[in-house]
Amino acid sequence: MNSHPGSLSTNNEDRICVITNLNKSILKDTQISFFSIYDGKNGVAKAEYFRDHFHNVLIKDKDFHRDLETSIKRSILLM
């Protein structure tokens, strides 16, 4: 991972989330991995909130296994 804070800040406020078995499947072939980066340029609180909660909202969406794009859009609106 490469991160450059730019000229305005010396702290990186981005947050990442890595979950290697999001759906908690015991079968390796059906496990779903989740990787995300949240931009904290407008403050770290929102990035941390999304890091801690977005994946939980996403996996509960009714179309998560059928239509991921729709699930992502709907989950963002719920946040």
PDB file of N, CA and C in Angstrom:
ATOM      1  N   MET A   1       0.840  -1.163   0.000  1.00  0.00           N
ATOM      2  CA  MET A   1       0.000   0.000   0.000  1.00  0.00           C
ATOM      3  C   MET A   1       0.891   1.233   0.000  1.00  0.00           C
ATOM      4  N   ASN A   2       0.511   2.228  -0.766  1.00  0.00           N
ATOM      5  CA  ASN A   2       1.244   3.479  -0.829  1.00  0.00           C
ATOM      6  C   ASN A   2       0.296   4.612  -0.486  1.00  0.00           C
ATOM      7  N   SER A   3       0.724   5.481   0.380  1.00  0.00           N
ATOM      8  CA  SER A   3      -0.117   6.600   0.788  1.00  0.00           C
ATOM      9  C   SER A   3       0.738   7.838   0.920  1.00  0.00           C
ATOM     10  N   HIS A   4       0.308   8.910   0.298  1.00  0.00           N
ATOM     11  CA  HIS A   4       1.038  10.163   0.376  1.00  0.00           C
ATOM     12  C   HIS A   4       0.107  11.220   0.969  1.00  0.00           C
ATOM     13  N   PRO A   5       0.495  11.853   2.083  1.00  0.00           N
ATOM     14  CA  PRO A   5      -0.402  12.794   2.751  1.00  0.00           C
ATOM     15  C   PRO A   5      -0.608  14.110   2.010  1.00  0.00           C
ATOM     16  N   GLY A   6       0.162  14.402   0.992  1.00  0.00           N
ATOM     17  CA  GLY A   6       0.018  15.658   0.272  1.00  0.00           C
ATOM     18  C   GLY A   6       0.659  16.804   1.038  1.00  0.00           C
ATOM     19  N   SER A   7       0.453  18.012   0.539  1.00  0.00           N
ATOM     20  CA  SER A   7       1.116  19.160   1.146  1.00  0.00           C
ATOM     21  C   SER A   7       0.303  19.816   2.257  1.00  0.00           C
ATOM     22  N   LEU A   8      -0.956  19.447   2.426  1.00  0.00           N
ATOM     23  CA  LEU A   8      -1.798  20.097   3.421  1.00  0.00           C
ATOM     24  C   LEU A   8      -1.789  19.420   4.778  1.00  0.00           C
ATOM     25  N   SER A   9      -1.410  18.186   4.837  1.00  0.00           N
ATOM     26  CA  SER A   9      -1.506  17.445   6.087  1.00  0.00           C
ATOM     27  C   SER A   9      -0.306  16.525   6.254  1.00  0.00           C
ATOM     28  N   THR A  10       0.080  16.316   7.488  1.00  0.00           N
ATOM     29  CA  THR A  10       1.157  15.372   7.740  1.00  0.00           C
ATOM     30  C   THR A  10       0.616  14.035   8.214  1.00  0.00           C
ATOM     31  N   ASN A  11      -0.690  13.952   8.446  1.00  0.00           N
ATOM     32  CA  ASN A  11      -1.311  12.713   8.903  1.00  0.00           C
ATOM     33  C   ASN A  11      -2.177  12.125   7.803  1.00  0.00           C
ATOM     34  N   ASN A  12      -2.111  10.822   7.651  1.00  0.00           N
ATOM     35  CA  ASN A  12      -2.980  10.148   6.704  1.00  0.00           C
ATOM     36  C   ASN A  12      -4.278   9.801   7.427  1.00  0.00           C
ATOM     37  N   GLU A  13      -5.393  10.326   6.943  1.00  0.00           N
ATOM     38  CA  GLU A  13      -6.679  10.098   7.595  1.00  0.00           C
ATOM     39  C   GLU A  13      -7.505   9.030   6.880  1.00  0.00           C
ATOM     40  N   ASP A  14      -6.940   8.383   5.878  1.00  0.00           N
ATOM     41  CA  ASP A  14      -7.635   7.291   5.199  1.00  0.00           C
ATOM     42  C   ASP A  14      -7.722   6.088   6.127  1.00  0.00           C
ATOM     43  N   ARG A  15      -8.741   5.283   5.931  1.00  0.00           N
ATOM     44  CA  ARG A  15      -8.916   4.068   6.721  1.00  0.00           C
ATOM     45  C   ARG A  15      -9.161   2.900   5.785  1.00  0.00           C
ATOM     46  N   ILE A  16      -8.682   1.730   6.161  1.00  0.00           N
ATOM     47  CA  ILE A  16      -8.876   0.534   5.352  1.00  0.00           C
ATOM     48  C   ILE A  16      -9.615  -0.528   6.157  1.00  0.00           C
ATOM     49  N   CYS A  17     -10.248  -1.429   5.425  1.00  0.00           N
ATOM     50  CA  CYS A  17     -10.928  -2.562   6.050  1.00  0.00           C
ATOM     51  C   CYS A  17     -10.619  -3.796   5.207  1.00  0.00           C
ATOM     52  N   VAL A  18     -10.131  -4.843   5.847  1.00  0.00           N
ATOM     53  CA  VAL A  18      -9.833  -6.102   5.178  1.00  0.00           C
ATOM     54  C   VAL A  18     -10.486  -7.218   5.977  1.00  0.00           C
ATOM     55  N   ILE A  19     -11.410  -7.920   5.333  1.00  0.00           N
ATOM     56  CA  ILE A  19     -12.079  -9.055   5.970  1.00  0.00           C
ATOM     57  C   ILE A  19     -11.969 -10.228   5.000  1.00  0.00           C
ATOM     58  N   THR A  20     -11.327 -11.286   5.411  1.00  0.00           N
ATOM     59  CA  THR A  20     -11.067 -12.398   4.496  1.00  0.00           C
ATOM     60  C   THR A  20     -12.189 -13.434   4.433  1.00  0.00           C
ATOM     61  N   ASN A  21     -13.140 -13.387   5.337  1.00  0.00           N
ATOM     62  CA  ASN A  21     -14.270 -14.323   5.288  1.00  0.00           C
ATOM     63  C   ASN A  21     -15.532 -13.589   5.756  1.00  0.00           C
ATOM     64  N   LEU A  22     -15.982 -12.663   4.928  1.00  0.00           N
ATOM     65  CA  LEU A  22     -17.104 -11.795   5.276  1.00  0.00           C
ATOM     66  C   LEU A  22     -18.375 -12.568   5.589  1.00  0.00           C
ATOM     67  N   ASN A  23     -18.655 -13.581   4.802  1.00  0.00           N
ATOM     68  CA  ASN A  23     -19.894 -14.350   4.991  1.00  0.00           C
ATOM     69  C   ASN A  23     -19.736 -15.506   5.979  1.00  0.00           C
ATOM     70  N   LYS A  24     -18.580 -15.612   6.610  1.00  0.00           N
ATOM     71  CA  LYS A  24     -18.304 -16.621   7.643  1.00  0.00           C
ATOM     72  C   LYS A  24     -18.611 -18.051   7.181  1.00  0.00           C
ATOM     73  N   SER A  25     -18.246 -18.326   5.951  1.00  0.00           N
ATOM     74  CA  SER A  25     -18.453 -19.661   5.387  1.00  0.00           C
ATOM     75  C   SER A  25     -17.333 -20.599   5.835  1.00  0.00           C
ATOM     76  N   ILE A  26     -17.693 -21.841   6.124  1.00  0.00           N
ATOM     77  CA  ILE A  26     -16.662 -22.818   6.476  1.00  0.00           C
ATOM     78  C   ILE A  26     -16.072 -23.471   5.228  1.00  0.00           C
ATOM     79  N   LEU A  27     -16.734 -23.290   4.086  1.00  0.00           N
ATOM     80  CA  LEU A  27     -16.238 -23.831   2.820  1.00  0.00           C
ATOM     81  C   LEU A  27     -15.373 -22.782   2.128  1.00  0.00           C
ATOM     82  N   LYS A  28     -14.118 -23.106   1.921  1.00  0.00           N
ATOM     83  CA  LYS A  28     -13.158 -22.165   1.340  1.00  0.00           C
ATOM     84  C   LYS A  28     -13.632 -21.605  -0.005  1.00  0.00           C
ATOM     85  N   ASP A  29     -14.268 -22.430  -0.830  1.00  0.00           N
ATOM     86  CA  ASP A  29     -14.693 -22.008  -2.162  1.00  0.00           C
ATOM     87  C   ASP A  29     -15.840 -20.998  -2.138  1.00  0.00           C
ATOM     88  N   THR A  30     -16.549 -20.883  -1.026  1.00  0.00           N
ATOM     89  CA  THR A  30     -17.685 -19.957  -0.976  1.00  0.00           C
ATOM     90  C   THR A  30     -17.413 -18.742  -0.087  1.00  0.00           C
ATOM     91  N   GLN A  31     -16.211 -18.634   0.442  1.00  0.00           N
ATOM     92  CA  GLN A  31     -15.874 -17.479   1.277  1.00  0.00           C
ATOM     93  C   GLN A  31     -15.765 -16.221   0.421  1.00  0.00           C
ATOM     94  N   ILE A  32     -16.194 -15.118   0.990  1.00  0.00           N
ATOM     95  CA  ILE A  32     -16.150 -13.829   0.302  1.00  0.00           C
ATOM     96  C   ILE A  32     -15.190 -12.916   1.059  1.00  0.00           C
ATOM     97  N   SER A  33     -14.231 -12.355   0.341  1.00  0.00           N
ATOM     98  CA  SER A  33     -13.300 -11.405   0.940  1.00  0.00           C
ATOM     99  C   SER A  33     -13.761  -9.987   0.650  1.00  0.00           C
ATOM    100  N   PHE A  34     -13.512  -9.096   1.573  1.00  0.00           N
ATOM    101  CA  PHE A  34     -13.943  -7.703   1.462  1.00  0.00           C
ATOM    102  C   PHE A  34     -12.744  -6.810   1.728  1.00  0.00           C
ATOM    103  N   PHE A  35     -12.427  -5.937   0.774  1.00  0.00           N
ATOM    104  CA  PHE A  35     -11.324  -4.992   0.895  1.00  0.00           C
ATOM    105  C   PHE A  35     -11.854  -3.603   0.565  1.00  0.00           C
ATOM    106  N   SER A  36     -11.593  -2.637   1.423  1.00  0.00           N
ATOM    107  CA  SER A  36     -12.087  -1.282   1.156  1.00  0.00           C
ATOM    108  C   SER A  36     -11.118  -0.233   1.697  1.00  0.00           C
ATOM    109  N   ILE A  37     -11.150   0.925   1.040  1.00  0.00           N
ATOM    110  CA  ILE A  37     -10.373   2.083   1.461  1.00  0.00           C
ATOM    111  C   ILE A  37     -11.344   3.247   1.559  1.00  0.00           C
ATOM    112  N   TYR A  38     -11.327   3.931   2.694  1.00  0.00           N
ATOM    113  CA  TYR A  38     -12.221   5.061   2.921  1.00  0.00           C
ATOM    114  C   TYR A  38     -11.388   6.332   3.036  1.00  0.00           C
ATOM    115  N   ASP A  39     -11.709   7.305   2.205  1.00  0.00           N
ATOM    116  CA  ASP A  39     -10.973   8.564   2.143  1.00  0.00           C
ATOM    117  C   ASP A  39     -11.368   9.447   3.320  1.00  0.00           C
ATOM    118  N   GLY A  40     -10.401   9.830   4.124  1.00  0.00           N
ATOM    119  CA  GLY A  40     -10.663  10.650   5.296  1.00  0.00           C
ATOM    120  C   GLY A  40     -10.347  12.111   5.096  1.00  0.00           C
ATOM    121  N   LYS A  41     -10.330  12.593   3.855  1.00  0.00           N
ATOM    122  CA  LYS A  41      -9.907  13.974   3.610  1.00  0.00           C
ATOM    123  C   LYS A  41     -10.837  15.011   4.246  1.00  0.00           C
ATOM    124  N   ASN A  42     -12.089  14.660   4.483  1.00  0.00           N
ATOM    125  CA  ASN A  42     -13.011  15.588   5.139  1.00  0.00           C
ATOM    126  C   ASN A  42     -13.158  15.280   6.625  1.00  0.00           C
ATOM    127  N   GLY A  43     -12.227  14.557   7.165  1.00  0.00           N
ATOM    128  CA  GLY A  43     -12.257  14.205   8.579  1.00  0.00           C
ATOM    129  C   GLY A  43     -12.250  12.704   8.755  1.00  0.00           C
ATOM    130  N   VAL A  44     -11.583  12.287   9.771  1.00  0.00           N
ATOM    131  CA  VAL A  44     -11.367  10.867   9.993  1.00  0.00           C
ATOM    132  C   VAL A  44     -12.619  10.166  10.541  1.00  0.00           C
ATOM    133  N   ALA A  45     -13.519  10.886  11.181  1.00  0.00           N
ATOM    134  CA  ALA A  45     -14.677  10.251  11.830  1.00  0.00           C
ATOM    135  C   ALA A  45     -15.553   9.490  10.838  1.00  0.00           C
ATOM    136  N   LYS A  46     -15.843  10.080   9.695  1.00  0.00           N
ATOM    137  CA  LYS A  46     -16.688   9.408   8.699  1.00  0.00           C
ATOM    138  C   LYS A  46     -15.980   8.195   8.117  1.00  0.00           C
ATOM    139  N   ALA A  47     -14.689   8.316   7.848  1.00  0.00           N
ATOM    140  CA  ALA A  47     -13.915   7.190   7.319  1.00  0.00           C
ATOM    141  C   ALA A  47     -13.898   6.038   8.319  1.00  0.00           C
ATOM    142  N   GLU A  48     -13.746   6.360   9.591  1.00  0.00           N
ATOM    143  CA  GLU A  48     -13.755   5.309  10.616  1.00  0.00           C
ATOM    144  C   GLU A  48     -15.132   4.675  10.761  1.00  0.00           C
ATOM    145  N   TYR A  49     -16.177   5.478  10.658  1.00  0.00           N
ATOM    146  CA  TYR A  49     -17.535   4.936  10.748  1.00  0.00           C
ATOM    147  C   TYR A  49     -17.802   3.948   9.613  1.00  0.00           C
ATOM    148  N   PHE A  50     -17.445   4.344   8.383  1.00  0.00           N
ATOM    149  CA  PHE A  50     -17.625   3.444   7.242  1.00  0.00           C
ATOM    150  C   PHE A  50     -16.761   2.205   7.401  1.00  0.00           C
ATOM    151  N   ARG A  51     -15.532   2.343   7.838  1.00  0.00           N
ATOM    152  CA  ARG A  51     -14.639   1.191   8.050  1.00  0.00           C
ATOM    153  C   ARG A  51     -15.259   0.180   9.013  1.00  0.00           C
ATOM    154  N   ASP A  52     -15.891   0.688  10.054  1.00  0.00           N
ATOM    155  CA  ASP A  52     -16.425  -0.181  11.097  1.00  0.00           C
ATOM    156  C   ASP A  52     -17.803  -0.755  10.802  1.00  0.00           C
ATOM    157  N   HIS A  53     -18.581  -0.121   9.893  1.00  0.00           N
ATOM    158  CA  HIS A  53     -19.980  -0.520   9.731  1.00  0.00           C
ATOM    159  C   HIS A  53     -20.430  -0.886   8.315  1.00  0.00           C
ATOM    160  N   PHE A  54     -19.779  -0.351   7.291  1.00  0.00           N
ATOM    161  CA  PHE A  54     -20.293  -0.537   5.932  1.00  0.00           C
ATOM    162  C   PHE A  54     -20.437  -2.007   5.543  1.00  0.00           C
ATOM    163  N   HIS A  55     -19.459  -2.825   5.829  1.00  0.00           N
ATOM    164  CA  HIS A  55     -19.501  -4.232   5.435  1.00  0.00           C
ATOM    165  C   HIS A  55     -20.675  -4.966   6.090  1.00  0.00           C
ATOM    166  N   ASN A  56     -21.040  -4.567   7.306  1.00  0.00           N
ATOM    167  CA  ASN A  56     -22.194  -5.195   7.968  1.00  0.00           C
ATOM    168  C   ASN A  56     -23.502  -4.841   7.282  1.00  0.00           C
ATOM    169  N   VAL A  57     -23.633  -3.592   6.859  1.00  0.00           N
ATOM    170  CA  VAL A  57     -24.828  -3.166   6.128  1.00  0.00           C
ATOM    171  C   VAL A  57     -24.877  -3.867   4.773  1.00  0.00           C
ATOM    172  N   LEU A  58     -23.747  -3.929   4.103  1.00  0.00           N
ATOM    173  CA  LEU A  58     -23.676  -4.539   2.771  1.00  0.00           C
ATOM    174  C   LEU A  58     -24.081  -6.007   2.774  1.00  0.00           C
ATOM    175  N   ILE A  59     -23.552  -6.777   3.673  1.00  0.00           N
ATOM    176  CA  ILE A  59     -23.826  -8.219   3.660  1.00  0.00           C
ATOM    177  C   ILE A  59     -25.284  -8.536   4.031  1.00  0.00           C
ATOM    178  N   LYS A  60     -25.945  -7.604   4.699  1.00  0.00           N
ATOM    179  CA  LYS A  60     -27.356  -7.808   5.060  1.00  0.00           C
ATOM    180  C   LYS A  60     -28.317  -7.437   3.935  1.00  0.00           C
ATOM    181  N   ASP A  61     -27.800  -6.803   2.888  1.00  0.00           N
ATOM    182  CA  ASP A  61     -28.663  -6.405   1.775  1.00  0.00           C
ATOM    183  C   ASP A  61     -29.233  -7.625   1.079  1.00  0.00           C
ATOM    184  N   LYS A  62     -30.504  -7.547   0.704  1.00  0.00           N
ATOM    185  CA  LYS A  62     -31.208  -8.702   0.124  1.00  0.00           C
ATOM    186  C   LYS A  62     -30.619  -9.164  -1.206  1.00  0.00           C
ATOM    187  N   ASP A  63     -29.944  -8.294  -1.932  1.00  0.00           N
ATOM    188  CA  ASP A  63     -29.384  -8.665  -3.231  1.00  0.00           C
ATOM    189  C   ASP A  63     -27.871  -8.876  -3.204  1.00  0.00           C
ATOM    190  N   PHE A  64     -27.302  -8.971  -2.027  1.00  0.00           N
ATOM    191  CA  PHE A  64     -25.846  -9.061  -1.905  1.00  0.00           C
ATOM    192  C   PHE A  64     -25.246 -10.172  -2.767  1.00  0.00           C
ATOM    193  N   HIS A  65     -25.847 -11.329  -2.791  1.00  0.00           N
ATOM    194  CA  HIS A  65     -25.283 -12.460  -3.541  1.00  0.00           C
ATOM    195  C   HIS A  65     -25.680 -12.473  -5.015  1.00  0.00           C
ATOM    196  N   ARG A  66     -26.653 -11.647  -5.405  1.00  0.00           N
ATOM    197  CA  ARG A  66     -27.128 -11.651  -6.793  1.00  0.00           C
ATOM    198  C   ARG A  66     -26.698 -10.430  -7.581  1.00  0.00           C
ATOM    199  N   ASP A  67     -26.709  -9.263  -6.927  1.00  0.00           N
ATOM    200  CA  ASP A  67     -26.443  -8.012  -7.634  1.00  0.00           C
ATOM    201  C   ASP A  67     -25.617  -7.099  -6.729  1.00  0.00           C
ATOM    202  N   LEU A  68     -24.328  -7.296  -6.761  1.00  0.00           N
ATOM    203  CA  LEU A  68     -23.428  -6.598  -5.849  1.00  0.00           C
ATOM    204  C   LEU A  68     -23.444  -5.080  -6.073  1.00  0.00           C
ATOM    205  N   GLU A  69     -23.491  -4.662  -7.314  1.00  0.00           N
ATOM    206  CA  GLU A  69     -23.484  -3.219  -7.595  1.00  0.00           C
ATOM    207  C   GLU A  69     -24.687  -2.523  -6.953  1.00  0.00           C
ATOM    208  N   THR A  70     -25.868  -3.109  -7.103  1.00  0.00           N
ATOM    209  CA  THR A  70     -27.069  -2.547  -6.483  1.00  0.00           C
ATOM    210  C   THR A  70     -26.958  -2.571  -4.967  1.00  0.00           C
ATOM    211  N   SER A  71     -26.423  -3.636  -4.417  1.00  0.00           N
ATOM    212  CA  SER A  71     -26.254  -3.753  -2.972  1.00  0.00           C
ATOM    213  C   SER A  71     -25.317  -2.684  -2.425  1.00  0.00           C
ATOM    214  N   ILE A  72     -24.249  -2.421  -3.134  1.00  0.00           N
ATOM    215  CA  ILE A  72     -23.300  -1.387  -2.704  1.00  0.00           C
ATOM    216  C   ILE A  72     -23.967  -0.009  -2.712  1.00  0.00           C
ATOM    217  N   LYS A  73     -24.660   0.298  -3.798  1.00  0.00           N
ATOM    218  CA  LYS A  73     -25.343   1.598  -3.890  1.00  0.00           C
ATOM    219  C   LYS A  73     -26.380   1.762  -2.784  1.00  0.00           C
ATOM    220  N   ARG A  74     -27.172   0.749  -2.576  1.00  0.00           N
ATOM    221  CA  ARG A  74     -28.216   0.819  -1.549  1.00  0.00           C
ATOM    222  C   ARG A  74     -27.603   0.930  -0.152  1.00  0.00           C
ATOM    223  N   SER A  75     -26.523   0.208   0.089  1.00  0.00           N
ATOM    224  CA  SER A  75     -25.866   0.245   1.401  1.00  0.00           C
ATOM    225  C   SER A  75     -25.260   1.611   1.689  1.00  0.00           C
ATOM    226  N   ILE A  76     -24.688   2.240   0.678  1.00  0.00           N
ATOM    227  CA  ILE A  76     -24.145   3.593   0.856  1.00  0.00           C
ATOM    228  C   ILE A  76     -25.250   4.561   1.263  1.00  0.00           C
ATOM    229  N   LEU A  77     -26.400   4.448   0.626  1.00  0.00           N
ATOM    230  CA  LEU A  77     -27.519   5.338   0.957  1.00  0.00           C
ATOM    231  C   LEU A  77     -28.023   5.111   2.377  1.00  0.00           C
ATOM    232  N   LEU A  78     -27.901   3.904   2.888  1.00  0.00           N
ATOM    233  CA  LEU A  78     -28.351   3.591   4.245  1.00  0.00           C
ATOM    234  C   LEU A  78     -27.387   4.111   5.303  1.00  0.00           C
ATOM    235  N   MET A  79     -26.155   4.355   4.910  1.00  0.00           N
ATOM    236  CA  MET A  79     -25.146   4.815   5.867  1.00  0.00           C
ATOM    237  C   MET A  79     -25.397   6.268   6.161  1.00  0.00           C
TER     238      MET A  79
END
